Amino acid sequence: MEKNILDLIALILVVIGGLNWGLVGLLEMDLVQMLLGSIPLLAKIVYVLVGLSALYLLYVELVKKK
């Protein structure tokens, strides 16, 4: 199945989210908060986009491939 630009963006955001959670678990270091903590709205947007990307990729895997 050919990947489009939305698939690529979603994958990148999910990888960023996964790496961030790994850092939180291992080192108690929230990279998004460190980088964007002074701009709380922007940090919140990143978290929401990561979550929506995960839901999108789940949808693509479970629904679109049927």
C-alpha atoms as a PDB file:
ATOM      1  CA  MET A   1       0.000   0.000   0.000  1.00  0.00           C
ATOM      2  CA  GLU A   2       1.376   3.379  -1.000  1.00  0.00           C
ATOM      3  CA  LYS A   3       2.041   5.864   1.802  1.00  0.00           C
ATOM      4  CA  ASN A   4       0.825   9.425   1.438  1.00  0.00           C
ATOM      5  CA  ILE A   5       2.136  12.545   3.158  1.00  0.00           C
ATOM      6  CA  LEU A   6      -0.426  12.260   5.985  1.00  0.00           C
ATOM      7  CA  ASP A   7       0.783   8.731   6.741  1.00  0.00           C
ATOM      8  CA  LEU A   8       4.383   9.971   6.905  1.00  0.00           C
ATOM      9  CA  ILE A   9       3.543  12.900   9.189  1.00  0.00           C
ATOM     10  CA  ALA A  10       1.493  10.652  11.469  1.00  0.00           C
ATOM     11  CA  LEU A  11       4.322   8.124  11.654  1.00  0.00           C
ATOM     12  CA  ILE A  12       6.874  10.825  12.527  1.00  0.00           C
ATOM     13  CA  LEU A  13       4.621  12.237  15.260  1.00  0.00           C
ATOM     14  CA  VAL A  14       3.982   8.803  16.745  1.00  0.00           C
ATOM     15  CA  VAL A  15       7.716   8.060  16.796  1.00  0.00           C
ATOM     16  CA  ILE A  16       8.356  11.403  18.517  1.00  0.00           C
ATOM     17  CA  GLY A  17       5.649  10.558  21.058  1.00  0.00           C
ATOM     18  CA  GLY A  18       7.065   7.094  21.639  1.00  0.00           C
ATOM     19  CA  LEU A  19      10.575   8.415  22.151  1.00  0.00           C
ATOM     20  CA  ASN A  20       9.244  11.067  24.517  1.00  0.00           C
ATOM     21  CA  TRP A  21       7.417   8.444  26.599  1.00  0.00           C
ATOM     22  CA  GLY A  22      10.566   6.324  26.639  1.00  0.00           C
ATOM     23  CA  LEU A  23      12.523   9.254  28.019  1.00  0.00           C
ATOM     24  CA  VAL A  24       9.812   9.910  30.606  1.00  0.00           C
ATOM     25  CA  GLY A  25       9.924   6.281  31.709  1.00  0.00           C
ATOM     26  CA  LEU A  26      13.685   5.904  31.769  1.00  0.00           C
ATOM     27  CA  LEU A  27      14.950   9.303  32.809  1.00  0.00           C
ATOM     28  CA  GLU A  28      11.846  11.158  34.034  1.00  0.00           C
ATOM     29  CA  MET A  29      12.584  13.704  31.310  1.00  0.00           C
ATOM     30  CA  ASP A  30       9.713  15.076  29.215  1.00  0.00           C
ATOM     31  CA  LEU A  31      11.435  16.354  26.084  1.00  0.00           C
ATOM     32  CA  VAL A  32       8.336  18.097  24.710  1.00  0.00           C
ATOM     33  CA  GLN A  33       7.868  19.914  27.995  1.00  0.00           C
ATOM     34  CA  MET A  34      11.558  20.833  28.093  1.00  0.00           C
ATOM     35  CA  LEU A  35      11.488  22.250  24.559  1.00  0.00           C
ATOM     36  CA  LEU A  36       8.046  23.840  24.602  1.00  0.00           C
ATOM     37  CA  GLY A  37       7.307  24.300  28.300  1.00  0.00           C
ATOM     38  CA  SER A  38       7.550  28.059  28.023  1.00  0.00           C
ATOM     39  CA  ILE A  39       4.764  27.892  25.422  1.00  0.00           C
ATOM     40  CA  PRO A  40       2.127  25.674  27.098  1.00  0.00           C
ATOM     41  CA  LEU A  41      -0.376  25.944  24.244  1.00  0.00           C
ATOM     42  CA  LEU A  42       2.198  24.724  21.728  1.00  0.00           C
ATOM     43  CA  ALA A  43       3.175  21.796  23.974  1.00  0.00           C
ATOM     44  CA  LYS A  44      -0.491  20.872  24.330  1.00  0.00           C
ATOM     45  CA  ILE A  45      -0.937  21.002  20.544  1.00  0.00           C
ATOM     46  CA  VAL A  46       2.026  18.633  20.083  1.00  0.00           C
ATOM     47  CA  TYR A  47       0.534  16.153  22.574  1.00  0.00           C
ATOM     48  CA  VAL A  48      -2.869  16.301  20.852  1.00  0.00           C
ATOM     49  CA  LEU A  49      -1.305  15.829  17.409  1.00  0.00           C
ATOM     50  CA  VAL A  50       0.669  12.809  18.642  1.00  0.00           C
ATOM     51  CA  GLY A  51      -2.525  11.264  20.035  1.00  0.00           C
ATOM     52  CA  LEU A  52      -4.507  11.962  16.867  1.00  0.00           C
ATOM     53  CA  SER A  53      -1.670  10.515  14.805  1.00  0.00           C
ATOM     54  CA  ALA A  54      -1.777   7.309  16.826  1.00  0.00           C
ATOM     55  CA  LEU A  55      -5.541   7.034  16.280  1.00  0.00           C
ATOM     56  CA  TYR A  56      -5.104   7.726  12.570  1.00  0.00           C
ATOM     57  CA  LEU A  57      -2.449   5.031  12.181  1.00  0.00           C
ATOM     58  CA  LEU A  58      -4.620   2.587  14.105  1.00  0.00           C
ATOM     59  CA  TYR A  59      -7.515   3.390  11.772  1.00  0.00           C
ATOM     60  CA  VAL A  60      -5.317   2.933   8.713  1.00  0.00           C
ATOM     61  CA  GLU A  61      -4.073  -0.438   9.940  1.00  0.00           C
ATOM     62  CA  LEU A  62      -7.408  -1.837  11.100  1.00  0.00           C
ATOM     63  CA  VAL A  63      -9.995  -0.331   8.781  1.00  0.00           C
ATOM     64  CA  LYS A  64      -8.401   0.756   5.523  1.00  0.00           C
ATOM     65  CA  LYS A  65      -6.494  -2.483   4.928  1.00  0.00           C
ATOM     66  CA  LYS A  66      -9.654  -4.614   4.838  1.00  0.00           C
END
